[in-house]
Amino acid sequence: MASEVVAEKTAQAARPAPTEARAKFLPGVPMLLLGGVLVLAAIGLIFVAKNATGAAVVVVVIFDVLLWLSGPFILRGLTQVAPGRARVVQLFGQYRGTIRDPGLQWVNPLTERIVVSTRIRNQESAQAKVNDADGNPIDIAAVIVWQVRDTASAVYAVDDFTQFVTIQTETAVRHIASSYPYDNRGSERLSLRDNADEITQQLSDELSVRVRAAGVDVIESRLTRLSYAPEIAQAMLRQQQASAVVGARTRIVEGAVGMVQMALKRLEEEDVVELDEERKAAMVSNLLVVLCSEQATQQVVNTGSLYQ
């Protein structure tokens, strides 16, 4: 018995939600006129019933009651569909289709018509504190642009599709943030700061998969905030400054060595002066000091010989 109950619940959970289909409806303006005529006719029969006698009174009253019932009943089927909105038609708990055509439409008066916005929406996730792939706490937030594609799935597949998108957005942002480091620190691996386009594309792809069940299309996603958490921001800033200083020093030394090599080569090719290895070493040392120093060097004129 228990296994049968579990099997039945599993089958119900696996049962797919209905997909969007076009509902059956009629133009609303003619039905509005018809309902108005019936109501006016019912009002006119009231005066007729006052002047009728005998069995005619009963007949007029019956027709009048039928008109009073049918007129408002027809008018109840009128439905206004604004641009950018759709109406999900439901009859006795069953999905009967969706109306997307804007204007005044008419459907079965017994149906329930659920309004669903099909406009493009911007939604920004709450700022989240997450540990990146290196374990560093970071603050991250994102904004997504999305739109309801399948109104039936949006209404019947999830409880509240707007809240569903919100929760799935925060989940996807946290997952992406924890899968990559904040910066690559000179390596070639993807990072949140240095590969923004690739990261946002992966965020859009993952989010599209997560919200597909709700009939939602993700148009675009972007990171709106990305920074180290305040408790480590100063330490990381010093680390970045140190890396920048090391990189700048490396470039300076590479340039200085190239200039020294060029100077020695030119002196040798043009036979300006002959230097032994000791004098070459002294010249290289002096040039590197001049080229790599952060402050301007003091010029000294040598009035003696090269060996004094």
Protein backbone atom coordinates (compact mmCIF):
# COMPACT_ATOMS: atom_id res chain seq x y z
CA MET A 1 0.00 0.00 0.00
CA ALA A 2 2.77 2.42 0.91
CA SER A 3 4.61 1.65 -2.33
CA GLU A 4 1.46 2.42 -4.34
CA VAL A 5 1.09 5.80 -2.61
CA VAL A 6 4.73 6.63 -3.30
CA ALA A 7 4.33 5.58 -6.93
CA GLU A 8 1.21 7.74 -7.29
CA LYS A 9 2.96 10.80 -5.79
CA THR A 10 5.94 10.22 -8.07
CA ALA A 11 3.68 10.06 -11.11
CA GLN A 12 1.93 13.27 -10.09
CA ALA A 13 5.26 15.06 -9.57
CA ALA A 14 6.52 13.86 -12.94
CA ARG A 15 3.34 14.98 -14.72
CA PRO A 16 4.35 17.90 -16.94
CA ALA A 17 2.65 21.26 -16.60
CA PRO A 18 0.48 22.33 -19.54
CA THR A 19 2.14 24.34 -22.26
CA GLU A 20 0.67 27.50 -23.70
CA ALA A 21 -2.08 27.15 -26.29
CA ARG A 22 -4.37 29.65 -27.96
CA ALA A 23 -7.72 30.01 -26.21
CA LYS A 24 -11.04 30.11 -28.02
CA PHE A 25 -12.59 33.56 -27.91
CA LEU A 26 -14.80 35.90 -29.87
CA PRO A 27 -14.51 39.62 -30.62
CA GLY A 28 -15.76 41.52 -27.62
CA VAL A 29 -17.50 44.49 -29.25
CA PRO A 30 -20.34 42.50 -30.92
CA MET A 31 -20.92 40.56 -27.71
CA LEU A 32 -20.98 43.84 -25.78
CA LEU A 33 -23.69 45.12 -28.10
CA LEU A 34 -25.63 41.86 -27.79
CA GLY A 35 -25.52 41.96 -24.01
CA GLY A 36 -26.57 45.60 -23.99
CA VAL A 37 -29.51 44.87 -26.28
CA LEU A 38 -30.64 42.01 -24.03
CA VAL A 39 -30.49 44.23 -20.94
CA LEU A 40 -32.44 47.00 -22.68
CA ALA A 41 -34.98 44.46 -23.88
CA ALA A 42 -35.40 43.20 -20.32
CA ILE A 43 -36.03 46.77 -19.15
CA GLY A 44 -38.59 47.26 -21.93
CA LEU A 45 -40.46 44.07 -21.00
CA ILE A 46 -41.01 45.48 -17.53
CA PHE A 47 -43.25 48.18 -18.99
CA VAL A 48 -44.90 45.61 -21.27
CA ALA A 49 -45.68 43.37 -18.29
CA LYS A 50 -47.47 46.27 -16.55
CA ASN A 51 -49.91 46.65 -19.45
CA ALA A 52 -50.37 42.89 -20.11
CA THR A 53 -53.32 40.91 -18.73
CA GLY A 54 -54.09 37.31 -18.09
CA ALA A 55 -51.71 34.61 -19.27
CA ALA A 56 -49.69 37.13 -21.25
CA VAL A 57 -48.33 38.53 -18.01
CA VAL A 58 -46.81 35.17 -17.10
CA VAL A 59 -45.22 34.80 -20.54
CA VAL A 60 -43.79 38.33 -20.47
CA VAL A 61 -42.41 37.86 -16.95
CA ILE A 62 -40.71 34.58 -17.93
CA PHE A 63 -39.09 36.18 -20.97
CA ASP A 64 -38.10 39.18 -18.87
CA VAL A 65 -36.40 36.95 -16.30
CA LEU A 66 -34.57 35.04 -19.04
CA LEU A 67 -33.35 38.32 -20.54
CA TRP A 68 -32.19 39.58 -17.15
CA LEU A 69 -30.21 36.36 -16.68
CA SER A 70 -28.76 36.10 -20.18
CA GLY A 71 -27.76 39.76 -20.62
CA PRO A 72 -25.46 40.10 -17.57
CA PHE A 73 -24.25 36.53 -18.15
CA ILE A 74 -23.04 37.47 -21.63
CA LEU A 75 -21.51 40.70 -20.40
CA ARG A 76 -19.60 38.73 -17.77
CA GLY A 77 -17.64 37.03 -20.55
CA LEU A 78 -16.08 40.30 -21.72
CA THR A 79 -12.33 40.46 -21.12
CA GLN A 80 -9.96 43.35 -21.70
CA VAL A 81 -6.47 42.36 -22.83
CA ALA A 82 -3.93 45.19 -22.61
CA PRO A 83 -0.76 45.21 -24.74
CA GLY A 84 2.05 43.43 -22.93
CA ARG A 85 -0.36 41.33 -20.91
CA ALA A 86 -2.03 37.98 -21.48
CA ARG A 87 -5.06 36.24 -20.01
CA VAL A 88 -4.80 32.61 -18.95
CA VAL A 89 -8.27 31.08 -19.30
CA GLN A 90 -9.23 28.43 -16.75
CA LEU A 91 -12.52 26.52 -16.62
CA PHE A 92 -13.31 24.49 -13.49
CA GLY A 93 -9.62 24.16 -12.68
CA GLN A 94 -8.58 23.12 -16.20
CA TYR A 95 -6.40 25.15 -18.52
CA ARG A 96 -8.32 26.26 -21.62
CA GLY A 97 -5.74 28.42 -23.36
CA THR A 98 -4.23 31.89 -23.35
CA ILE A 99 -5.43 35.12 -24.94
CA ARG A 100 -2.62 37.35 -26.19
CA ASP A 101 -4.58 39.42 -28.72
CA PRO A 102 -4.99 42.94 -27.29
CA GLY A 103 -8.39 44.55 -27.16
CA LEU A 104 -11.85 43.59 -25.93
CA GLN A 105 -12.44 39.84 -26.24
CA TRP A 106 -15.21 37.50 -25.17
CA VAL A 107 -14.82 34.05 -23.64
CA ASN A 108 -17.00 31.60 -21.78
CA PRO A 109 -18.48 33.58 -18.86
CA LEU A 110 -17.90 30.65 -16.50
CA THR A 111 -14.14 30.74 -16.98
CA GLU A 112 -11.58 32.38 -14.72
CA ARG A 113 -9.16 34.71 -16.47
CA ILE A 114 -5.72 35.11 -14.85
CA VAL A 115 -3.67 38.15 -15.83
CA VAL A 116 -0.01 37.46 -16.69
CA SER A 117 2.40 40.19 -17.73
CA THR A 118 4.46 39.36 -20.81
CA ARG A 119 6.51 42.56 -20.72
CA ILE A 120 10.29 42.60 -20.43
CA ARG A 121 11.35 43.02 -16.81
CA ASN A 122 14.51 44.15 -15.05
CA GLN A 123 15.27 42.46 -11.76
CA GLU A 124 18.29 43.05 -9.54
CA SER A 125 19.37 40.40 -7.10
CA ALA A 126 20.13 41.21 -3.50
CA GLN A 127 23.76 41.83 -2.63
CA ALA A 128 25.23 38.53 -1.49
CA LYS A 129 28.43 37.72 0.40
CA VAL A 130 30.01 34.62 -1.11
CA ASN A 131 33.40 32.92 -0.92
CA ASP A 132 35.03 32.79 -4.34
CA ALA A 133 36.97 29.79 -5.65
CA ASP A 134 40.01 30.86 -3.61
CA GLY A 135 37.98 31.15 -0.42
CA ASN A 136 38.03 34.95 -0.30
CA PRO A 137 34.74 36.60 0.77
CA ILE A 138 33.33 38.89 -1.91
CA ASP A 139 30.20 41.03 -2.32
CA ILE A 140 28.34 40.34 -5.55
CA ALA A 141 25.02 41.27 -7.14
CA ALA A 142 23.56 40.97 -10.62
CA VAL A 143 20.70 42.31 -12.71
CA ILE A 144 18.79 40.13 -15.16
CA VAL A 145 16.42 40.98 -17.99
CA TRP A 146 13.70 38.38 -18.45
CA GLN A 147 10.31 37.82 -19.99
CA VAL A 148 7.51 35.28 -19.67
CA ARG A 149 7.53 33.04 -22.73
CA ASP A 150 4.99 30.37 -21.76
CA THR A 151 2.11 31.75 -19.68
CA ALA A 152 0.72 28.30 -18.89
CA SER A 153 4.00 27.12 -17.38
CA ALA A 154 4.36 30.39 -15.48
CA VAL A 155 0.96 29.91 -13.84
CA TYR A 156 0.79 26.15 -13.35
CA ALA A 157 4.39 24.88 -13.14
CA VAL A 158 5.45 27.01 -10.15
CA ASP A 159 3.65 28.64 -7.25
CA ASP A 160 4.81 32.23 -7.92
CA PHE A 161 6.94 32.66 -11.02
CA THR A 162 8.24 36.11 -10.00
CA GLN A 163 9.48 34.83 -6.66
CA PHE A 164 10.79 31.71 -8.39
CA VAL A 165 12.93 33.83 -10.73
CA THR A 166 14.19 35.89 -7.79
CA ILE A 167 15.31 32.86 -5.80
CA GLN A 168 16.87 31.13 -8.80
CA THR A 169 18.75 34.31 -9.70
CA GLU A 170 20.33 34.52 -6.25
CA THR A 171 21.17 30.80 -6.40
CA ALA A 172 22.83 31.12 -9.81
CA VAL A 173 24.81 34.21 -8.76
CA ARG A 174 26.11 32.43 -5.66
CA HIS A 175 27.05 29.35 -7.66
CA ILE A 176 28.93 31.35 -10.31
CA ALA A 177 30.70 33.44 -7.67
CA SER A 178 31.91 30.36 -5.80
CA SER A 179 33.10 28.66 -9.00
CA TYR A 180 35.65 31.30 -10.05
CA PRO A 181 38.27 33.42 -8.28
CA TYR A 182 37.88 37.17 -7.95
CA ASP A 183 40.94 37.81 -10.16
CA ASN A 184 43.37 35.54 -12.01
CA ARG A 185 46.54 37.09 -10.48
CA GLY A 186 48.47 36.78 -13.69
CA SER A 187 47.28 33.28 -14.56
CA GLU A 188 45.17 32.36 -17.58
CA ARG A 189 42.18 30.96 -15.70
CA LEU A 190 38.81 32.69 -15.84
CA SER A 191 38.08 35.18 -13.08
CA LEU A 192 35.10 37.27 -12.07
CA ARG A 193 36.85 40.61 -12.56
CA ASP A 194 39.02 39.95 -15.62
CA ASN A 195 36.51 37.91 -17.69
CA ALA A 196 33.23 39.73 -17.15
CA ASP A 197 31.75 38.84 -20.56
CA GLU A 198 32.42 35.12 -20.21
CA ILE A 199 31.16 35.06 -16.63
CA THR A 200 27.91 36.87 -17.44
CA GLN A 201 27.33 34.56 -20.40
CA GLN A 202 27.71 31.54 -18.14
CA LEU A 203 25.39 33.20 -15.63
CA SER A 204 22.76 33.70 -18.34
CA ASP A 205 23.10 30.09 -19.52
CA GLU A 206 22.78 28.66 -16.03
CA LEU A 207 19.89 30.92 -15.13
CA SER A 208 18.07 30.02 -18.37
CA VAL A 209 18.21 26.36 -17.40
CA ARG A 210 17.03 27.07 -13.86
CA VAL A 211 13.94 29.13 -14.84
CA ARG A 212 12.97 27.15 -17.93
CA ALA A 213 10.38 25.20 -15.95
CA ALA A 214 8.52 28.45 -15.20
CA GLY A 215 8.23 29.36 -18.88
CA VAL A 216 10.65 32.28 -18.54
CA ASP A 217 13.31 33.41 -21.02
CA VAL A 218 16.44 35.17 -19.75
CA ILE A 219 17.37 37.91 -22.24
CA GLU A 220 20.49 39.27 -20.55
CA SER A 221 22.34 39.27 -17.24
CA ARG A 222 25.06 41.56 -15.88
CA LEU A 223 27.04 41.82 -12.67
CA THR A 224 26.20 45.13 -11.01
CA ARG A 225 28.46 44.80 -7.97
CA LEU A 226 31.71 42.91 -7.52
CA SER A 227 34.15 43.70 -4.74
CA TYR A 228 36.01 42.14 -1.89
CA ALA A 229 34.17 42.03 1.41
CA PRO A 230 35.07 44.95 3.74
CA GLU A 231 36.95 42.73 6.18
CA ILE A 232 39.60 41.80 3.59
CA ALA A 233 39.36 44.74 1.20
CA GLN A 234 42.39 46.58 2.64
CA ALA A 235 44.57 43.45 2.65
CA MET A 236 43.63 42.65 -0.94
CA LEU A 237 44.27 46.26 -1.96
CA ARG A 238 47.80 46.05 -0.57
CA GLN A 239 48.30 42.77 -2.38
CA GLN A 240 47.15 44.31 -5.67
CA GLN A 241 49.42 47.30 -5.12
CA ALA A 242 52.36 44.99 -4.43
CA SER A 243 51.62 43.03 -7.59
CA ALA A 244 51.45 46.26 -9.55
CA VAL A 245 54.79 47.44 -8.15
CA VAL A 246 56.42 44.10 -8.99
CA GLY A 247 55.04 44.23 -12.50
CA ALA A 248 56.24 47.80 -13.00
CA ARG A 249 59.71 46.96 -11.65
CA THR A 250 59.90 43.97 -13.98
CA ARG A 251 59.13 46.16 -16.99
CA ILE A 252 61.69 48.74 -15.91
CA VAL A 253 64.44 46.14 -15.46
CA GLU A 254 63.64 44.53 -18.81
CA GLY A 255 63.85 47.93 -20.52
CA ALA A 256 67.07 48.87 -18.73
CA VAL A 257 68.78 45.61 -19.66
CA GLY A 258 67.81 46.12 -23.28
CA MET A 259 69.18 49.66 -23.28
CA VAL A 260 72.48 48.52 -21.72
CA GLN A 261 72.82 45.76 -24.30
CA MET A 262 72.15 48.23 -27.09
CA ALA A 263 74.73 50.70 -25.69
CA LEU A 264 77.48 48.07 -25.43
CA LYS A 265 76.70 46.77 -28.89
CA ARG A 266 76.83 50.25 -30.43
CA LEU A 267 80.14 51.05 -28.69
CA GLU A 268 81.64 47.82 -29.95
CA GLU A 269 80.34 48.17 -33.51
CA GLU A 270 81.46 51.77 -33.95
CA ASP A 271 84.77 51.15 -32.17
CA VAL A 272 84.32 54.15 -29.90
CA VAL A 273 86.24 52.70 -26.96
CA GLU A 274 87.60 49.34 -25.95
CA LEU A 275 86.43 48.09 -22.57
CA ASP A 276 87.68 45.06 -20.74
CA GLU A 277 85.29 42.86 -18.77
CA GLU A 278 85.84 44.77 -15.53
CA ARG A 279 85.04 48.14 -17.14
CA LYS A 280 82.06 46.67 -18.91
CA ALA A 281 80.75 45.44 -15.57
CA ALA A 282 81.23 48.86 -14.02
CA MET A 283 79.47 50.52 -16.96
CA VAL A 284 76.58 48.08 -16.77
CA SER A 285 76.25 48.70 -13.03
CA ASN A 286 76.21 52.47 -13.48
CA LEU A 287 73.69 52.36 -16.32
CA LEU A 288 71.34 50.06 -14.41
CA VAL A 289 71.49 52.36 -11.39
CA VAL A 290 70.65 55.36 -13.56
CA LEU A 291 67.85 53.63 -15.49
CA CYS A 292 66.24 51.76 -12.59
CA SER A 293 66.42 54.46 -9.93
CA GLU A 294 63.14 56.05 -8.84
CA GLN A 295 64.86 59.41 -8.27
CA ALA A 296 66.98 61.52 -10.58
CA THR A 297 70.67 60.56 -10.34
CA GLN A 298 73.47 63.08 -9.71
CA GLN A 299 75.78 63.45 -12.66
CA VAL A 300 79.51 63.06 -11.92
CA VAL A 301 82.14 64.11 -14.51
CA ASN A 302 85.19 61.91 -14.50
CA THR A 303 88.25 64.17 -15.17
CA GLY A 304 90.74 61.36 -14.80
CA SER A 305 91.32 58.30 -16.87
CA LEU A 306 88.99 55.40 -17.24
CA TYR A 307 91.12 53.36 -14.84
CA GLN A 308 91.26 55.88 -11.98
